[in-house]
Amino acid sequence: MDAVVRYLRPVRNGLPGSVVLPEHIWNDGNFPWPGQDAGLLGRKHDPWLIHCDPDSPSFNVPDLTFPREISSTRFDQRRALLEHVNRRLDQTLCSPPVGQYSEESQQAMGLLSATASRKAFDLSSESTTARDRYGRSRYAQSVLLSRRLVEAGVSIVRINWPRIPDKPNQGGWDTHAQHSRCCKDFLMPMMDNAYSALLEDLDQRGLLESTLVVWVGEFGRTPQFNANGGRDHWGHVFSMAMAGGGVRGGVVHGSSDKDAAYPLDGRVEPQDVIATIFHCLGFQPDMVIHDTLRRPIPISRGEVIHQIL
């Protein structure tokens, strides 16, 4: 979804259409899970992945700051020189790869020169009260940062839950051990603070009706606990939460059996969630885009969940 949105809405205020915080999704050994980039749409549509810790006092985004030895005047001189050289290039050099390089160069210079993009990442302009309301963690401050990015014109921000050292299950929701303890001690308090703070913040700023907030994992957990007090992978039934952006508040759609093992009614599938998100973003869910080989690809293959809208 990040790549599709960047394909359809490339740049606003010098910022790309999609941003991913604060790290990629990875398995043990820091091996990235597949499916997080633009794939056959082409690398230029990759979402902007920012590895960062917005809770750190020294937080900054290197891509938005000049190297120490380069002043803004020197940057302007370099850009002028680049434009002069480009005008002199022979037409035979204007191949697609060179054209893409030029486009990426323009985007990079836009990030450096756009005031809006730098301001969006300036969390120091937020009050201490606001930052405390979200919570002082890498994840929570990424949620706060996402609100600022949306205000600056980014169309879609994905916030991945980062690993937390020295916590059971590496601090994640893959609770194969001590499930109840993890949910009670840190997972739910951290998530509840950040999620509720974001909804209240968006509402107070008049942004909730135009901003869709989605809270979802990749699957559910087994109805039974294992020998380690954990719950394992379970894809048959699980829940998600959506708010704002055209979703009616207080609606519960669907139900499971008494053991939360299988759906009883209102069953939806991942492709339906994708179609609904694109619908709320203003895209026709069956819109067709083209990959690098000009093959047509619909942006979703599901049905909009109208019952919640």
C-alpha atoms as a PDB file:
ATOM      1  CA  MET A   1       0.000   0.000   0.000  1.00  0.00           C
ATOM      2  CA  ASP A   2       2.855   2.393   0.779  1.00  0.00           C
ATOM      3  CA  ALA A   3       4.353   1.898  -2.678  1.00  0.00           C
ATOM      4  CA  VAL A   4       1.015   2.228  -4.466  1.00  0.00           C
ATOM      5  CA  VAL A   5       0.300   5.517  -2.689  1.00  0.00           C
ATOM      6  CA  ARG A   6       3.742   6.823  -3.583  1.00  0.00           C
ATOM      7  CA  TYR A   7       3.081   5.780  -7.189  1.00  0.00           C
ATOM      8  CA  LEU A   8      -0.174   7.748  -7.190  1.00  0.00           C
ATOM      9  CA  ARG A   9       0.947  10.700  -5.032  1.00  0.00           C
ATOM     10  CA  PRO A  10       4.703  11.115  -5.478  1.00  0.00           C
ATOM     11  CA  VAL A  11       5.613  14.342  -3.612  1.00  0.00           C
ATOM     12  CA  ARG A  12       3.927  17.019  -1.516  1.00  0.00           C
ATOM     13  CA  ASN A  13       5.765  19.938   0.101  1.00  0.00           C
ATOM     14  CA  GLY A  14       9.038  18.235  -0.749  1.00  0.00           C
ATOM     15  CA  LEU A  15       7.987  15.061   1.104  1.00  0.00           C
ATOM     16  CA  PRO A  16       7.277  11.675  -0.508  1.00  0.00           C
ATOM     17  CA  GLY A  17       3.757  10.273  -0.551  1.00  0.00           C
ATOM     18  CA  SER A  18       4.603   7.475   1.893  1.00  0.00           C
ATOM     19  CA  VAL A  19       6.893   7.142   4.900  1.00  0.00           C
ATOM     20  CA  VAL A  20       7.742   4.125   7.090  1.00  0.00           C
ATOM     21  CA  LEU A  21       8.872   4.535  10.729  1.00  0.00           C
ATOM     22  CA  PRO A  22      10.952   3.769  12.799  1.00  0.00           C
ATOM     23  CA  GLU A  23      12.483   0.664  11.169  1.00  0.00           C
ATOM     24  CA  HIS A  24      11.692  -2.123   8.707  1.00  0.00           C
ATOM     25  CA  ILE A  25       9.910  -5.332   9.724  1.00  0.00           C
ATOM     26  CA  TRP A  26      12.510  -8.003  10.307  1.00  0.00           C
ATOM     27  CA  ASN A  27      13.002 -11.504  11.567  1.00  0.00           C
ATOM     28  CA  ASP A  28      15.748 -12.742  13.899  1.00  0.00           C
ATOM     29  CA  GLY A  29      19.150 -11.786  12.534  1.00  0.00           C
ATOM     30  CA  ASN A  30      17.712  -8.550  11.120  1.00  0.00           C
ATOM     31  CA  PHE A  31      16.527 -10.301   7.964  1.00  0.00           C
ATOM     32  CA  PRO A  32      13.824  -8.089   6.390  1.00  0.00           C
ATOM     33  CA  TRP A  33      10.469  -9.650   5.632  1.00  0.00           C
ATOM     34  CA  PRO A  34       9.643  -9.396   1.913  1.00  0.00           C
ATOM     35  CA  GLY A  35       6.867  -7.179   0.595  1.00  0.00           C
ATOM     36  CA  GLN A  36       7.972  -3.889   2.171  1.00  0.00           C
ATOM     37  CA  ASP A  37       9.155  -2.124  -0.974  1.00  0.00           C
ATOM     38  CA  ALA A  38       7.676  -1.262  -4.363  1.00  0.00           C
ATOM     39  CA  GLY A  39       8.693  -4.553  -5.998  1.00  0.00           C
ATOM     40  CA  LEU A  40       7.702  -4.614  -9.661  1.00  0.00           C
ATOM     41  CA  LEU A  41       6.462  -1.020  -9.517  1.00  0.00           C
ATOM     42  CA  GLY A  42      10.109   0.064  -9.463  1.00  0.00           C
ATOM     43  CA  ARG A  43      12.501   1.299  -6.820  1.00  0.00           C
ATOM     44  CA  LYS A  44      11.550   4.956  -7.273  1.00  0.00           C
ATOM     45  CA  HIS A  45       8.189   4.118  -5.685  1.00  0.00           C
ATOM     46  CA  ASP A  46       9.703   2.572  -2.550  1.00  0.00           C
ATOM     47  CA  PRO A  47       8.306   4.211   0.576  1.00  0.00           C
ATOM     48  CA  TRP A  48      10.805   6.378   2.417  1.00  0.00           C
ATOM     49  CA  LEU A  49      12.057   4.080   5.191  1.00  0.00           C
ATOM     50  CA  ILE A  50      13.497   6.104   8.077  1.00  0.00           C
ATOM     51  CA  HIS A  51      15.463   4.221  10.715  1.00  0.00           C
ATOM     52  CA  CYS A  52      15.205   6.478  13.734  1.00  0.00           C
ATOM     53  CA  ASP A  53      14.422   6.848  17.405  1.00  0.00           C
ATOM     54  CA  PRO A  54      12.210   9.934  17.798  1.00  0.00           C
ATOM     55  CA  ASP A  55      12.365   9.501  21.580  1.00  0.00           C
ATOM     56  CA  SER A  56      16.117  10.184  21.588  1.00  0.00           C
ATOM     57  CA  PRO A  57      17.211  13.691  22.683  1.00  0.00           C
ATOM     58  CA  SER A  58      19.576  13.740  19.699  1.00  0.00           C
ATOM     59  CA  PHE A  59      16.887  12.701  17.183  1.00  0.00           C
ATOM     60  CA  ASN A  60      17.408  13.994  13.669  1.00  0.00           C
ATOM     61  CA  VAL A  61      16.960  12.765  10.122  1.00  0.00           C
ATOM     62  CA  PRO A  62      20.321  12.856   8.306  1.00  0.00           C
ATOM     63  CA  ASP A  63      18.615  13.131   4.894  1.00  0.00           C
ATOM     64  CA  LEU A  64      17.176  16.510   5.915  1.00  0.00           C
ATOM     65  CA  THR A  65      20.347  18.171   7.162  1.00  0.00           C
ATOM     66  CA  PHE A  66      23.372  19.508   5.332  1.00  0.00           C
ATOM     67  CA  PRO A  67      26.793  18.032   6.086  1.00  0.00           C
ATOM     68  CA  ARG A  68      28.658  20.253   8.510  1.00  0.00           C
ATOM     69  CA  GLU A  69      31.009  21.565   5.816  1.00  0.00           C
ATOM     70  CA  ILE A  70      28.224  22.603   3.418  1.00  0.00           C
ATOM     71  CA  SER A  71      26.372  25.850   4.067  1.00  0.00           C
ATOM     72  CA  SER A  72      23.052  26.725   2.456  1.00  0.00           C
ATOM     73  CA  THR A  73      24.910  29.103   0.116  1.00  0.00           C
ATOM     74  CA  ARG A  74      27.279  26.363  -0.978  1.00  0.00           C
ATOM     75  CA  PHE A  75      24.323  24.050  -1.507  1.00  0.00           C
ATOM     76  CA  ASP A  76      22.683  26.615  -3.814  1.00  0.00           C
ATOM     77  CA  GLN A  77      25.938  26.951  -5.747  1.00  0.00           C
ATOM     78  CA  ARG A  78      26.221  23.177  -6.149  1.00  0.00           C
ATOM     79  CA  ARG A  79      22.637  22.941  -7.357  1.00  0.00           C
ATOM     80  CA  ALA A  80      23.242  25.718  -9.898  1.00  0.00           C
ATOM     81  CA  LEU A  81      26.355  23.903 -11.139  1.00  0.00           C
ATOM     82  CA  LEU A  82      24.446  20.640 -11.464  1.00  0.00           C
ATOM     83  CA  GLU A  83      21.711  22.318 -13.490  1.00  0.00           C
ATOM     84  CA  HIS A  84      24.342  23.912 -15.738  1.00  0.00           C
ATOM     85  CA  VAL A  85      26.057  20.563 -16.352  1.00  0.00           C
ATOM     86  CA  ASN A  86      22.744  18.824 -17.015  1.00  0.00           C
ATOM     87  CA  ARG A  87      21.832  21.364 -19.674  1.00  0.00           C
ATOM     88  CA  ARG A  88      25.093  20.560 -21.459  1.00  0.00           C
ATOM     89  CA  LEU A  89      24.638  16.799 -21.497  1.00  0.00           C
ATOM     90  CA  ASP A  90      24.304  15.224 -24.900  1.00  0.00           C
ATOM     91  CA  GLN A  91      20.770  14.022 -25.690  1.00  0.00           C
ATOM     92  CA  THR A  92      22.044  10.485 -26.106  1.00  0.00           C
ATOM     93  CA  LEU A  93      22.664  10.357 -22.366  1.00  0.00           C
ATOM     94  CA  CYS A  94      18.997  10.992 -21.588  1.00  0.00           C
ATOM     95  CA  SER A  95      18.190   7.323 -21.101  1.00  0.00           C
ATOM     96  CA  PRO A  96      15.496   6.184 -18.619  1.00  0.00           C
ATOM     97  CA  PRO A  97      18.040   5.376 -15.864  1.00  0.00           C
ATOM     98  CA  VAL A  98      19.586   8.837 -16.180  1.00  0.00           C
ATOM     99  CA  GLY A  99      16.123  10.360 -16.192  1.00  0.00           C
ATOM    100  CA  GLN A 100      15.280   8.501 -13.014  1.00  0.00           C
ATOM    101  CA  TYR A 101      18.533   9.675 -11.432  1.00  0.00           C
ATOM    102  CA  SER A 102      17.612  13.241 -12.287  1.00  0.00           C
ATOM    103  CA  GLU A 103      14.154  12.785 -10.770  1.00  0.00           C
ATOM    104  CA  GLU A 104      15.601  11.287  -7.578  1.00  0.00           C
ATOM    105  CA  SER A 105      18.148  14.110  -7.402  1.00  0.00           C
ATOM    106  CA  GLN A 106      15.347  16.652  -7.601  1.00  0.00           C
ATOM    107  CA  GLN A 107      13.474  14.871  -4.818  1.00  0.00           C
ATOM    108  CA  ALA A 108      16.583  14.784  -2.642  1.00  0.00           C
ATOM    109  CA  MET A 109      17.237  18.490  -3.176  1.00  0.00           C
ATOM    110  CA  GLY A 110      13.580  19.191  -2.529  1.00  0.00           C
ATOM    111  CA  LEU A 111      13.830  17.476   0.856  1.00  0.00           C
ATOM    112  CA  LEU A 112      16.889  19.519   1.770  1.00  0.00           C
ATOM    113  CA  SER A 113      15.503  22.845   0.615  1.00  0.00           C
ATOM    114  CA  ALA A 114      11.844  22.513   1.679  1.00  0.00           C
ATOM    115  CA  THR A 115      11.130  24.213   4.984  1.00  0.00           C
ATOM    116  CA  ALA A 116       7.966  22.163   5.485  1.00  0.00           C
ATOM    117  CA  SER A 117       9.831  18.864   5.413  1.00  0.00           C
ATOM    118  CA  ARG A 118      12.371  19.966   8.003  1.00  0.00           C
ATOM    119  CA  LYS A 119       9.679  21.397  10.267  1.00  0.00           C
ATOM    120  CA  ALA A 120       7.705  18.168  10.117  1.00  0.00           C
ATOM    121  CA  PHE A 121      10.531  16.282  11.821  1.00  0.00           C
ATOM    122  CA  ASP A 122      11.152  18.913  14.502  1.00  0.00           C
ATOM    123  CA  LEU A 123       9.641  17.182  17.520  1.00  0.00           C
ATOM    124  CA  SER A 124      11.243  19.769  19.811  1.00  0.00           C
ATOM    125  CA  SER A 125       8.440  22.143  18.809  1.00  0.00           C
ATOM    126  CA  GLU A 126       5.934  19.837  20.558  1.00  0.00           C
ATOM    127  CA  SER A 127       5.176  20.586  24.192  1.00  0.00           C
ATOM    128  CA  THR A 128       6.470  18.294  26.899  1.00  0.00           C
ATOM    129  CA  THR A 129       2.859  17.605  27.879  1.00  0.00           C
ATOM    130  CA  ALA A 130       1.985  16.463  24.365  1.00  0.00           C
ATOM    131  CA  ARG A 131       5.015  14.209  24.109  1.00  0.00           C
ATOM    132  CA  ASP A 132       4.324  12.688  27.515  1.00  0.00           C
ATOM    133  CA  ARG A 133       0.695  12.083  26.541  1.00  0.00           C
ATOM    134  CA  TYR A 134       1.792   9.867  23.636  1.00  0.00           C
ATOM    135  CA  GLY A 135       4.390   8.120  25.802  1.00  0.00           C
ATOM    136  CA  ARG A 136       8.158   8.206  25.961  1.00  0.00           C
ATOM    137  CA  SER A 137       9.101   5.286  23.759  1.00  0.00           C
ATOM    138  CA  ARG A 138      10.453   4.779  20.274  1.00  0.00           C
ATOM    139  CA  TYR A 139       7.078   3.586  19.039  1.00  0.00           C
ATOM    140  CA  ALA A 140       4.962   6.248  20.745  1.00  0.00           C
ATOM    141  CA  GLN A 141       7.103   9.131  19.542  1.00  0.00           C
ATOM    142  CA  SER A 142       6.952   7.653  16.033  1.00  0.00           C
ATOM    143  CA  VAL A 143       3.152   7.885  16.298  1.00  0.00           C
ATOM    144  CA  LEU A 144       3.456  11.552  17.252  1.00  0.00           C
ATOM    145  CA  LEU A 145       5.850  12.088  14.370  1.00  0.00           C
ATOM    146  CA  SER A 146       3.355  10.465  12.012  1.00  0.00           C
ATOM    147  CA  ARG A 147       0.763  13.103  12.930  1.00  0.00           C
ATOM    148  CA  ARG A 148       3.225  15.836  12.014  1.00  0.00           C
ATOM    149  CA  LEU A 149       4.031  14.123   8.712  1.00  0.00           C
ATOM    150  CA  VAL A 150       0.343  13.888   7.821  1.00  0.00           C
ATOM    151  CA  GLU A 151      -0.037  17.588   8.596  1.00  0.00           C
ATOM    152  CA  ALA A 152       2.914  18.291   6.280  1.00  0.00           C
ATOM    153  CA  GLY A 153       1.283  16.448   3.368  1.00  0.00           C
ATOM    154  CA  VAL A 154       2.435  12.821   3.569  1.00  0.00           C
ATOM    155  CA  SER A 155      -0.457  10.631   2.402  1.00  0.00           C
ATOM    156  CA  ILE A 156       0.337   7.400   4.237  1.00  0.00           C
ATOM    157  CA  VAL A 157       2.607   6.663   7.210  1.00  0.00           C
ATOM    158  CA  ARG A 158       3.252   3.121   8.391  1.00  0.00           C
ATOM    159  CA  ILE A 159       4.612   2.687  11.920  1.00  0.00           C
ATOM    160  CA  ASN A 160       6.180  -0.697  12.577  1.00  0.00           C
ATOM    161  CA  TRP A 161       6.351  -1.918  16.159  1.00  0.00           C
ATOM    162  CA  PRO A 162      10.083  -2.024  16.977  1.00  0.00           C
ATOM    163  CA  ARG A 163      11.811  -4.684  19.031  1.00  0.00           C
ATOM    164  CA  ILE A 164      12.387  -3.782  22.685  1.00  0.00           C
ATOM    165  CA  PRO A 165      15.576  -5.219  24.196  1.00  0.00           C
ATOM    166  CA  ASP A 166      15.416  -7.012  27.547  1.00  0.00           C
ATOM    167  CA  LYS A 167      11.679  -7.753  27.216  1.00  0.00           C
ATOM    168  CA  PRO A 168      10.074 -11.184  26.696  1.00  0.00           C
ATOM    169  CA  ASN A 169       9.509 -12.052  23.027  1.00  0.00           C
ATOM    170  CA  GLN A 170      11.928  -9.202  22.192  1.00  0.00           C
ATOM    171  CA  GLY A 171       9.262  -6.735  23.233  1.00  0.00           C
ATOM    172  CA  GLY A 172       6.985  -7.595  20.312  1.00  0.00           C
ATOM    173  CA  TRP A 173       3.439  -8.875  19.851  1.00  0.00           C
ATOM    174  CA  ASP A 174       4.628 -12.314  18.740  1.00  0.00           C
ATOM    175  CA  THR A 175       3.875 -13.565  22.237  1.00  0.00           C
ATOM    176  CA  HIS A 176       4.925 -17.224  22.182  1.00  0.00           C
ATOM    177  CA  ALA A 177       5.673 -16.919  25.911  1.00  0.00           C
ATOM    178  CA  GLN A 178       4.202 -14.962  28.848  1.00  0.00           C
ATOM    179  CA  HIS A 179       1.382 -13.607  26.707  1.00  0.00           C
ATOM    180  CA  SER A 180      -0.787 -12.188  29.502  1.00  0.00           C
ATOM    181  CA  ARG A 181       2.132 -10.652  31.372  1.00  0.00           C
ATOM    182  CA  CYS A 182       3.479  -8.939  28.248  1.00  0.00           C
ATOM    183  CA  CYS A 183       0.080  -7.536  27.277  1.00  0.00           C
ATOM    184  CA  LYS A 184      -0.559  -6.238  30.792  1.00  0.00           C
ATOM    185  CA  ASP A 185       2.913  -4.938  31.646  1.00  0.00           C
ATOM    186  CA  PHE A 186       3.954  -3.034  28.535  1.00  0.00           C
ATOM    187  CA  LEU A 187       2.328  -3.943  25.210  1.00  0.00           C
ATOM    188  CA  MET A 188      -1.191  -2.670  25.855  1.00  0.00           C
ATOM    189  CA  PRO A 189      -0.255   0.324  28.066  1.00  0.00           C
ATOM    190  CA  MET A 190       2.212   1.559  25.445  1.00  0.00           C
ATOM    191  CA  MET A 191      -0.200   1.001  22.571  1.00  0.00           C
ATOM    192  CA  ASP A 192      -3.246   2.379  24.373  1.00  0.00           C
ATOM    193  CA  ASN A 193      -1.473   5.618  25.316  1.00  0.00           C
ATOM    194  CA  ALA A 194      -0.171   6.245  21.812  1.00  0.00           C
ATOM    195  CA  TYR A 195      -3.357   5.223  19.980  1.00  0.00           C
ATOM    196  CA  SER A 196      -5.748   7.221  22.166  1.00  0.00           C
ATOM    197  CA  ALA A 197      -3.417  10.237  22.175  1.00  0.00           C
ATOM    198  CA  LEU A 198      -3.290  10.206  18.368  1.00  0.00           C
ATOM    199  CA  LEU A 199      -7.085  10.044  18.030  1.00  0.00           C
ATOM    200  CA  GLU A 200      -7.597  12.851  20.547  1.00  0.00           C
ATOM    201  CA  ASP A 201      -4.856  14.934  18.941  1.00  0.00           C
ATOM    202  CA  LEU A 202      -6.283  14.521  15.430  1.00  0.00           C
ATOM    203  CA  ASP A 203      -9.785  15.303  16.680  1.00  0.00           C
ATOM    204  CA  GLN A 204      -8.698  18.481  18.462  1.00  0.00           C
ATOM    205  CA  ARG A 205      -6.908  19.657  15.314  1.00  0.00           C
ATOM    206  CA  GLY A 206      -9.901  18.943  13.095  1.00  0.00           C
ATOM    207  CA  LEU A 207      -7.997  16.239  11.220  1.00  0.00           C
ATOM    208  CA  LEU A 208      -9.694  13.039  12.372  1.00  0.00           C
ATOM    209  CA  GLU A 209     -12.467  13.116   9.767  1.00  0.00           C
ATOM    210  CA  SER A 210      -9.871  13.286   6.982  1.00  0.00           C
ATOM    211  CA  THR A 211      -7.277  10.941   8.499  1.00  0.00           C
ATOM    212  CA  LEU A 212      -7.741   7.180   8.643  1.00  0.00           C
ATOM    213  CA  VAL A 213      -6.006   5.452  11.566  1.00  0.00           C
ATOM    214  CA  VAL A 214      -5.524   1.687  11.234  1.00  0.00           C
ATOM    215  CA  TRP A 215      -4.268  -0.606  14.004  1.00  0.00           C
ATOM    216  CA  VAL A 216      -3.597  -4.119  12.737  1.00  0.00           C
ATOM    217  CA  GLY A 217      -1.163  -7.025  12.996  1.00  0.00           C
ATOM    218  CA  GLU A 218      -0.454  -9.764  10.506  1.00  0.00           C
ATOM    219  CA  PHE A 219      -2.526 -12.471  12.220  1.00  0.00           C
ATOM    220  CA  GLY A 220      -4.125 -13.505  15.501  1.00  0.00           C
ATOM    221  CA  ARG A 221      -3.067 -15.788  18.309  1.00  0.00           C
ATOM    222  CA  THR A 222      -4.146 -19.321  19.159  1.00  0.00           C
ATOM    223  CA  PRO A 223      -7.240 -19.578  21.398  1.00  0.00           C
ATOM    224  CA  GLN A 224      -5.287 -21.885  23.725  1.00  0.00           C
ATOM    225  CA  PHE A 225      -2.156 -21.042  25.701  1.00  0.00           C
ATOM    226  CA  ASN A 226       0.939 -23.135  25.149  1.00  0.00           C
ATOM    227  CA  ALA A 227       3.198 -24.620  27.839  1.00  0.00           C
ATOM    228  CA  ASN A 228       5.146 -21.327  28.105  1.00  0.00           C
ATOM    229  CA  GLY A 229       2.067 -19.274  28.878  1.00  0.00           C
ATOM    230  CA  GLY A 230       2.162 -17.931  25.335  1.00  0.00           C
ATOM    231  CA  ARG A 231      -0.142 -17.962  22.350  1.00  0.00           C
ATOM    232  CA  ASP A 232       1.116 -19.018  18.932  1.00  0.00           C
ATOM    233  CA  HIS A 233       0.281 -18.084  15.338  1.00  0.00           C
ATOM    234  CA  TRP A 234      -3.379 -18.232  14.344  1.00  0.00           C
ATOM    235  CA  GLY A 235      -4.685 -16.989  11.029  1.00  0.00           C
ATOM    236  CA  HIS A 236      -8.318 -18.080  11.221  1.00  0.00           C
ATOM    237  CA  VAL A 237      -9.680 -15.112  13.123  1.00  0.00           C
ATOM    238  CA  PHE A 238      -8.301 -11.868  14.520  1.00  0.00           C
ATOM    239  CA  SER A 239      -9.358  -8.288  15.043  1.00  0.00           C
ATOM    240  CA  MET A 240      -8.266  -4.842  13.949  1.00  0.00           C
ATOM    241  CA  ALA A 241      -9.307  -1.281  14.746  1.00  0.00           C
ATOM    242  CA  MET A 242      -9.985   1.583  12.348  1.00  0.00           C
ATOM    243  CA  ALA A 243     -10.918   5.157  13.215  1.00  0.00           C
ATOM    244  CA  GLY A 244     -11.428   8.480  11.467  1.00  0.00           C
ATOM    245  CA  GLY A 245     -11.201   8.993   7.732  1.00  0.00           C
ATOM    246  CA  GLY A 246     -14.848   8.096   7.068  1.00  0.00           C
ATOM    247  CA  VAL A 247     -15.182   5.238   9.582  1.00  0.00           C
ATOM    248  CA  ARG A 248     -18.206   5.430  11.894  1.00  0.00           C
ATOM    249  CA  GLY A 249     -17.160   5.493  15.540  1.00  0.00           C
ATOM    250  CA  GLY A 250     -18.362   2.763  17.876  1.00  0.00           C
ATOM    251  CA  VAL A 251     -19.124   0.227  15.160  1.00  0.00           C
ATOM    252  CA  VAL A 252     -18.225  -3.421  15.768  1.00  0.00           C
ATOM    253  CA  HIS A 253     -18.375  -5.446  12.575  1.00  0.00           C
ATOM    254  CA  GLY A 254     -18.276  -9.248  12.682  1.00  0.00           C
ATOM    255  CA  SER A 255     -18.052 -11.775  15.465  1.00  0.00           C
ATOM    256  CA  SER A 256     -16.271 -15.007  16.297  1.00  0.00           C
ATOM    257  CA  ASP A 257     -17.279 -18.193  18.075  1.00  0.00           C
ATOM    258  CA  LYS A 258     -17.097 -18.446  21.861  1.00  0.00           C
ATOM    259  CA  ASP A 259     -13.429 -19.501  21.750  1.00  0.00           C
ATOM    260  CA  ALA A 260     -12.327 -16.709  19.371  1.00  0.00           C
ATOM    261  CA  ALA A 261     -11.156 -19.478  17.067  1.00  0.00           C
ATOM    262  CA  TYR A 262     -13.258 -19.038  13.911  1.00  0.00           C
ATOM    263  CA  PRO A 263     -15.487 -16.284  12.509  1.00  0.00           C
ATOM    264  CA  LEU A 264     -19.244 -16.573  12.821  1.00  0.00           C
ATOM    265  CA  ASP A 265     -20.386 -13.598  10.750  1.00  0.00           C
ATOM    266  CA  GLY A 266     -19.095 -10.404   9.163  1.00  0.00           C
ATOM    267  CA  ARG A 267     -15.983 -12.190   7.873  1.00  0.00           C
ATOM    268  CA  VAL A 268     -13.606  -9.941   5.926  1.00  0.00           C
ATOM    269  CA  GLU A 269     -10.247 -10.740   4.391  1.00  0.00           C
ATOM    270  CA  PRO A 270      -6.998  -8.768   4.016  1.00  0.00           C
ATOM    271  CA  GLN A 271      -7.850  -7.717   0.454  1.00  0.00           C
ATOM    272  CA  ASP A 272     -11.083  -6.174   1.762  1.00  0.00           C
ATOM    273  CA  VAL A 273      -9.127  -4.157   4.318  1.00  0.00           C
ATOM    274  CA  ILE A 274      -6.809  -2.942   1.550  1.00  0.00           C
ATOM    275  CA  ALA A 275      -9.762  -1.970  -0.650  1.00  0.00           C
ATOM    276  CA  THR A 276     -11.330  -0.071   2.253  1.00  0.00           C
ATOM    277  CA  ILE A 277      -8.130   1.826   3.028  1.00  0.00           C
ATOM    278  CA  PHE A 278      -7.708   2.887  -0.600  1.00  0.00           C
ATOM    279  CA  HIS A 279     -11.376   3.919  -0.700  1.00  0.00           C
ATOM    280  CA  CYS A 280     -10.868   6.119   2.371  1.00  0.00           C
ATOM    281  CA  LEU A 281      -7.747   7.612   0.768  1.00  0.00           C
ATOM    282  CA  GLY A 282      -9.830   8.677  -2.214  1.00  0.00           C
ATOM    283  CA  PHE A 283      -8.740   5.997  -4.691  1.00  0.00           C
ATOM    284  CA  GLN A 284     -11.054   3.669  -6.572  1.00  0.00           C
ATOM    285  CA  PRO A 285     -10.214   0.209  -5.144  1.00  0.00           C
ATOM    286  CA  ASP A 286     -10.212  -1.309  -8.638  1.00  0.00           C
ATOM    287  CA  MET A 287      -7.981   1.408 -10.105  1.00  0.00           C
ATOM    288  CA  VAL A 288      -5.349  -0.039 -12.462  1.00  0.00           C
ATOM    289  CA  ILE A 289      -1.688   0.991 -12.356  1.00  0.00           C
ATOM    290  CA  HIS A 290       1.231  -0.374 -14.394  1.00  0.00           C
ATOM    291  CA  ASP A 291       4.486  -1.974 -13.326  1.00  0.00           C
ATOM    292  CA  THR A 292       7.892  -1.446 -14.915  1.00  0.00           C
ATOM    293  CA  LEU A 293       6.952  -3.848 -17.732  1.00  0.00           C
ATOM    294  CA  ARG A 294       3.703  -1.921 -18.382  1.00  0.00           C
ATOM    295  CA  ARG A 295       1.568  -4.762 -17.085  1.00  0.00           C
ATOM    296  CA  PRO A 296      -1.776  -3.665 -15.606  1.00  0.00           C
ATOM    297  CA  ILE A 297      -2.248  -4.291 -11.883  1.00  0.00           C
ATOM    298  CA  PRO A 298      -5.382  -3.399  -9.883  1.00  0.00           C
ATOM    299  CA  ILE A 299      -4.441  -1.669  -6.643  1.00  0.00           C
ATOM    300  CA  SER A 300      -6.708  -4.051  -4.707  1.00  0.00           C
ATOM    301  CA  ARG A 301      -8.728  -7.196  -5.284  1.00  0.00           C
ATOM    302  CA  GLY A 302     -11.174  -6.941  -2.401  1.00  0.00           C
ATOM    303  CA  GLU A 303     -14.500  -5.326  -1.556  1.00  0.00           C
ATOM    304  CA  VAL A 304     -14.935  -2.124   0.451  1.00  0.00           C
ATOM    305  CA  ILE A 305     -16.309  -2.850   3.952  1.00  0.00           C
ATOM    306  CA  HIS A 306     -19.256  -0.444   3.646  1.00  0.00           C
ATOM    307  CA  GLN A 307     -20.761  -1.613   6.954  1.00  0.00           C
ATOM    308  CA  ILE A 308     -18.221   0.422   8.916  1.00  0.00           C
ATOM    309  CA  LEU A 309     -18.312   3.596   6.804  1.00  0.00           C
END
